[in-house]
Amino acid sequence: MTLIAQITDLHIRPQGVACYRVSETNLLADRAVRALKALDPAPDAVVVTGDLTERNDPREYRLVRRLLKRLSCPVYVMPGNHDRTDAMREHLSDFPLISKGSKEKVYYAAEVGELRLIALDSSIPGFANGELGKEQLDWLDTELAQHPRPTMIAVHHPPKAVGIRHMDDIALSDGAAFGKVISKYRHVERVICGHVHRPIISAFAGTVMTLCPGTAHQVVLDLNDSAPAEFVMEPPAYFLHHFTQEAGMVTHLAYVEAYPGPFPFWADEGVSWP
């Protein structure tokens, strides 16, 4: 069994500053890390699929580093559109494989239990949409060809439209080229993304694409083309990706906050089951 926890879109701010003046992202990210630390069994790794910071501020990276270093398992990070590759490499230099890739992009492959994890960099400095680029896609093609074992690919921007217009406008611009690469390989178990701040599942290029909700605020679920870009304080959550050779990849959504329970499935006293 291999268990990988995914959190995304932390949007950490300098200490004492709320994100968008409303969302206490630092507090909520801290609660998410506490939830991950309490997991039993513990995950083999944690993947953070971008937007670790809100404004690519060195103070934000220092808080991100302090927060994620509380986790005892390996933590794999990649940039989102709110981060920058060079700043992430500078401030998170001791995180696994962060120096790999090209000068402009962080990309790497890691062995996590029975899975191979591939992390990609879809960030474009100064832009909200994403792009992988030919060099990174060629590297991905080679990696998948040379290592035909169960693989999870992590990237911040989703490679296909999800129906929320203002987010689809800033999705992965070369998603079709990305799909053309991975569609050749049946051992790609999952493509995991962030960016949209909602739990979303879709078929993509012969595999399954899952979008993880954020650790803080979520994007409003409004499928009208004219929907404004707004967020809502729905419950923060994360994904647990559970892989076995027998069942393949199964993804569980788990909420950060604690709720009443657990309660046993027992009948009331004196009542028997049919």
Protein backbone atom coordinates (compact mmCIF):
# COMPACT_ATOMS: atom_id res chain seq x y z
CA MET A 1 0.00 0.00 0.00
CA THR A 2 1.15 3.53 -0.81
CA LEU A 3 -0.58 6.57 0.68
CA ILE A 4 0.04 10.09 -0.65
CA ALA A 5 -1.65 13.13 0.89
CA GLN A 6 -2.28 16.15 -1.32
CA ILE A 7 -2.84 19.69 -0.16
CA THR A 8 -2.98 22.69 -2.43
CA ASP A 9 -3.41 26.45 -2.70
CA LEU A 10 -2.23 27.45 0.76
CA HIS A 11 -1.90 31.14 -0.26
CA ILE A 12 0.24 31.93 2.78
CA ARG A 13 0.49 35.64 3.67
CA PRO A 14 2.92 37.55 5.90
CA GLN A 15 2.12 37.01 9.56
CA GLY A 16 -1.00 38.87 10.66
CA VAL A 17 -2.29 39.56 7.13
CA ALA A 18 -5.50 37.95 5.86
CA CYS A 19 -5.67 36.86 2.24
CA TYR A 20 -8.05 39.11 0.26
CA ARG A 21 -8.77 40.76 3.64
CA VAL A 22 -11.11 37.87 4.55
CA SER A 23 -9.43 34.46 4.40
CA GLU A 24 -7.11 33.57 7.31
CA THR A 25 -5.03 31.32 5.10
CA ASN A 26 -2.12 30.92 7.53
CA LEU A 27 -4.37 29.66 10.31
CA LEU A 28 -6.20 27.32 7.96
CA ALA A 29 -2.98 25.93 6.47
CA ASP A 30 -1.75 25.26 10.01
CA ARG A 31 -4.92 23.28 10.70
CA ALA A 32 -4.40 21.28 7.51
CA VAL A 33 -0.88 20.33 8.58
CA ARG A 34 -2.20 19.31 12.00
CA ALA A 35 -4.75 17.06 10.27
CA LEU A 36 -2.04 15.44 8.16
CA LYS A 37 0.16 14.85 11.20
CA ALA A 38 -2.74 13.07 12.92
CA LEU A 39 -3.34 10.60 10.07
CA ASP A 40 -3.09 6.92 10.96
CA PRO A 41 -1.65 5.32 8.95
CA ALA A 42 0.71 8.18 8.19
CA PRO A 43 1.15 9.11 4.52
CA ASP A 44 4.29 8.03 2.71
CA ALA A 45 4.58 11.53 1.27
CA VAL A 46 2.75 14.85 1.03
CA VAL A 47 2.40 16.65 -2.31
CA VAL A 48 1.64 20.39 -2.39
CA THR A 49 0.33 21.26 -5.84
CA GLY A 50 1.19 24.96 -6.04
CA ASP A 51 0.19 28.38 -4.80
CA LEU A 52 2.08 27.92 -1.57
CA THR A 53 2.27 31.72 -1.31
CA GLU A 54 -0.10 34.51 -2.24
CA ARG A 55 2.39 37.09 -3.53
CA ASN A 56 5.73 35.28 -3.85
CA ASP A 57 6.95 37.24 -0.80
CA PRO A 58 10.11 36.02 1.03
CA ARG A 59 8.21 36.36 4.31
CA GLU A 60 5.55 34.03 2.96
CA TYR A 61 8.12 31.44 1.93
CA ARG A 62 9.68 31.53 5.39
CA LEU A 63 6.28 30.74 6.91
CA VAL A 64 5.66 28.01 4.31
CA ARG A 65 8.99 26.41 5.14
CA ARG A 66 8.33 26.48 8.89
CA LEU A 67 4.86 25.03 8.38
CA LEU A 68 5.74 22.17 6.05
CA LYS A 69 8.87 21.17 7.95
CA ARG A 70 6.57 20.03 10.76
CA LEU A 71 5.63 17.04 8.62
CA SER A 72 7.80 13.98 9.21
CA CYS A 73 7.38 12.44 5.73
CA PRO A 74 8.88 13.78 2.48
CA VAL A 75 7.08 16.88 1.18
CA TYR A 76 7.13 17.48 -2.57
CA VAL A 77 6.35 21.00 -3.77
CA MET A 78 5.89 22.69 -7.14
CA PRO A 79 5.03 26.27 -8.14
CA GLY A 80 1.58 27.63 -8.87
CA ASN A 81 0.73 30.87 -10.61
CA HIS A 82 1.09 32.82 -7.34
CA ASP A 83 4.61 31.44 -6.79
CA ARG A 84 7.83 31.85 -8.78
CA THR A 85 10.22 29.04 -9.62
CA ASP A 86 13.41 30.96 -8.74
CA ALA A 87 12.03 32.18 -5.40
CA MET A 88 10.78 28.73 -4.46
CA ARG A 89 14.18 27.24 -5.21
CA GLU A 90 15.88 29.92 -3.14
CA HIS A 91 13.67 29.76 -0.07
CA LEU A 92 12.77 26.04 -0.11
CA SER A 93 16.15 24.78 -1.29
CA ASP A 94 16.24 21.80 1.09
CA PHE A 95 12.91 20.34 -0.06
CA PRO A 96 13.24 17.13 -2.10
CA LEU A 97 14.40 17.51 -5.73
CA ILE A 98 13.56 21.23 -5.88
CA SER A 99 16.75 21.92 -7.86
CA LYS A 100 15.84 19.46 -10.64
CA GLY A 101 14.53 20.45 -14.06
CA SER A 102 15.71 23.43 -16.12
CA LYS A 103 16.72 26.95 -15.12
CA GLU A 104 13.16 28.19 -15.68
CA LYS A 105 11.14 25.19 -14.51
CA VAL A 106 11.10 22.77 -11.54
CA TYR A 107 10.29 19.23 -12.62
CA TYR A 108 11.36 15.90 -11.23
CA ALA A 109 10.45 12.28 -10.58
CA ALA A 110 10.45 10.57 -7.16
CA GLU A 111 9.88 7.04 -5.97
CA VAL A 112 7.14 6.88 -3.31
CA GLY A 113 6.44 3.32 -2.22
CA GLU A 114 4.86 1.44 -5.13
CA LEU A 115 4.30 4.66 -7.09
CA ARG A 116 6.41 6.96 -9.21
CA LEU A 117 5.56 10.61 -8.61
CA ILE A 118 6.24 13.14 -11.37
CA ALA A 119 5.99 16.83 -10.44
CA LEU A 120 5.68 19.45 -13.19
CA ASP A 121 5.96 23.23 -13.25
CA SER A 122 3.13 25.04 -15.03
CA SER A 123 3.89 28.53 -13.71
CA ILE A 124 4.58 31.48 -16.02
CA PRO A 125 6.11 34.53 -14.29
CA GLY A 126 3.64 37.40 -14.33
CA PHE A 127 0.71 35.39 -15.70
CA ALA A 128 -2.20 33.53 -14.09
CA ASN A 129 -2.56 30.86 -16.77
CA GLY A 130 -0.14 27.95 -17.05
CA GLU A 131 2.17 26.37 -19.58
CA LEU A 132 4.48 23.36 -19.44
CA GLY A 133 6.47 24.01 -22.62
CA LYS A 134 8.10 21.66 -25.12
CA GLU A 135 11.26 20.98 -23.10
CA GLN A 136 9.31 19.81 -20.06
CA LEU A 137 6.87 17.77 -22.16
CA ASP A 138 9.75 16.06 -23.97
CA TRP A 139 11.30 15.20 -20.60
CA LEU A 140 7.96 13.84 -19.40
CA ASP A 141 7.62 11.68 -22.51
CA THR A 142 11.08 10.21 -21.93
CA GLU A 143 10.42 9.58 -18.23
CA LEU A 144 7.17 7.76 -18.91
CA ALA A 145 8.74 5.67 -21.65
CA GLN A 146 11.73 4.65 -19.53
CA HIS A 147 9.84 3.90 -16.32
CA PRO A 148 6.68 1.85 -17.04
CA ARG A 149 5.51 1.57 -13.44
CA PRO A 150 2.37 3.04 -11.81
CA THR A 151 2.76 6.82 -11.99
CA MET A 152 1.05 9.87 -10.53
CA ILE A 153 1.61 13.22 -12.30
CA ALA A 154 1.21 16.41 -10.27
CA VAL A 155 0.74 19.85 -11.86
CA HIS A 156 -0.87 23.04 -10.57
CA HIS A 157 -3.05 24.08 -13.53
CA PRO A 158 -5.68 21.61 -14.79
CA PRO A 159 -5.08 20.56 -18.40
CA LYS A 160 -8.74 20.70 -19.45
CA ALA A 161 -11.76 22.93 -18.90
CA VAL A 162 -13.86 22.25 -15.80
CA GLY A 163 -16.86 24.49 -16.50
CA ILE A 164 -16.03 27.43 -14.21
CA ARG A 165 -15.39 30.02 -16.88
CA HIS A 166 -13.11 32.47 -15.08
CA MET A 167 -10.86 29.58 -13.98
CA ASP A 168 -10.93 27.89 -17.40
CA ASP A 169 -9.63 31.19 -18.82
CA ILE A 170 -6.45 30.73 -16.76
CA ALA A 171 -5.97 26.97 -17.11
CA LEU A 172 -3.07 25.11 -18.78
CA SER A 173 -2.61 26.56 -22.26
CA ASP A 174 -0.83 23.48 -23.63
CA GLY A 175 -3.15 20.95 -22.00
CA ALA A 176 -3.82 19.25 -25.34
CA ALA A 177 -0.08 18.66 -25.89
CA PHE A 178 0.21 17.36 -22.33
CA GLY A 179 -2.69 14.99 -22.95
CA LYS A 180 -1.11 13.75 -26.17
CA VAL A 181 1.98 12.69 -24.23
CA ILE A 182 0.31 10.89 -21.34
CA SER A 183 -2.33 9.21 -23.51
CA LYS A 184 0.42 6.95 -24.85
CA TYR A 185 1.08 5.42 -21.45
CA ARG A 186 -1.38 3.20 -19.61
CA HIS A 187 0.65 3.27 -16.40
CA VAL A 188 -0.35 6.88 -15.62
CA GLU A 189 -2.73 6.22 -12.75
CA ARG A 190 -3.73 9.81 -12.02
CA VAL A 191 -3.14 13.46 -12.90
CA ILE A 192 -3.52 15.57 -9.74
CA CYS A 193 -3.99 19.34 -9.84
CA GLY A 194 -4.90 22.35 -7.72
CA HIS A 195 -5.62 25.91 -8.85
CA VAL A 196 -9.44 25.80 -8.99
CA HIS A 197 -10.04 25.46 -5.21
CA ARG A 198 -12.73 22.81 -5.68
CA PRO A 199 -12.95 18.98 -5.65
CA ILE A 200 -13.37 18.06 -9.32
CA ILE A 201 -12.98 14.70 -11.09
CA SER A 202 -12.82 14.13 -14.83
CA ALA A 203 -11.55 11.70 -17.42
CA PHE A 204 -8.49 13.03 -19.21
CA ALA A 205 -6.24 11.51 -21.88
CA GLY A 206 -7.00 7.92 -20.94
CA THR A 207 -6.61 8.41 -17.20
CA VAL A 208 -8.33 10.34 -14.37
CA MET A 209 -7.76 14.01 -13.50
CA THR A 210 -8.57 15.12 -9.96
CA LEU A 211 -8.57 18.69 -8.67
CA CYS A 212 -8.03 19.06 -4.94
CA PRO A 213 -9.89 21.67 -2.86
CA GLY A 214 -7.82 24.34 -1.14
CA THR A 215 -6.74 24.33 2.48
CA ALA A 216 -8.57 27.65 2.94
CA HIS A 217 -11.23 29.30 0.75
CA GLN A 218 -12.93 27.63 -2.21
CA VAL A 219 -14.01 29.05 -5.56
CA VAL A 220 -17.76 29.55 -5.86
CA LEU A 221 -19.43 26.73 -7.81
CA ASP A 222 -21.16 28.71 -10.56
CA LEU A 223 -21.27 27.19 -14.05
CA ASN A 224 -22.75 30.26 -15.75
CA ASP A 225 -20.42 31.75 -18.37
CA SER A 226 -20.88 35.20 -16.82
CA ALA A 227 -20.09 34.07 -13.25
CA PRO A 228 -17.80 36.51 -11.41
CA ALA A 229 -14.53 35.41 -9.82
CA GLU A 230 -15.57 34.93 -6.20
CA PHE A 231 -14.67 32.64 -3.32
CA VAL A 232 -16.60 31.15 -0.42
CA MET A 233 -15.57 29.81 2.99
CA GLU A 234 -16.67 26.22 2.40
CA PRO A 235 -14.97 23.59 4.59
CA PRO A 236 -11.27 23.15 3.75
CA ALA A 237 -10.26 19.67 2.64
CA TYR A 238 -7.45 17.59 1.19
CA PHE A 239 -7.03 14.39 -0.80
CA LEU A 240 -5.63 11.02 0.24
CA HIS A 241 -4.49 9.01 -2.76
CA HIS A 242 -4.43 5.31 -1.80
CA PHE A 243 -2.67 2.91 -4.15
CA THR A 244 -2.45 -0.87 -4.12
CA GLN A 245 -1.46 -3.25 -6.89
CA GLU A 246 -4.83 -4.99 -6.55
CA ALA A 247 -7.15 -1.96 -6.66
CA GLY A 248 -4.99 0.66 -8.35
CA MET A 249 -5.50 4.29 -7.34
CA VAL A 250 -8.41 5.28 -5.09
CA THR A 251 -8.75 8.91 -3.95
CA HIS A 252 -10.48 9.95 -0.72
CA LEU A 253 -11.56 13.49 0.13
CA ALA A 254 -10.95 14.29 3.81
CA TYR A 255 -12.00 17.41 5.68
CA VAL A 256 -9.50 19.41 7.69
CA GLU A 257 -11.85 20.28 10.52
CA ALA A 258 -13.08 17.83 13.15
CA TYR A 259 -16.79 17.02 13.27
CA PRO A 260 -18.98 15.18 15.82
CA GLY A 261 -18.31 11.45 16.02
CA PRO A 262 -17.29 8.82 15.31
CA PHE A 263 -20.40 6.91 16.33
CA PRO A 264 -20.80 3.11 16.05
CA PHE A 265 -23.32 1.62 13.64
CA TRP A 266 -25.33 -0.08 16.38
CA ALA A 267 -29.08 -0.48 16.49
CA ASP A 268 -30.99 1.14 19.33
CA GLU A 269 -31.29 -1.04 22.42
CA GLY A 270 -33.97 -3.68 21.99
CA VAL A 271 -34.15 -3.29 18.22
CA SER A 272 -32.83 -6.13 16.07
CA TRP A 273 -31.91 -6.03 12.41
CA PRO A 274 -34.29 -7.80 9.98
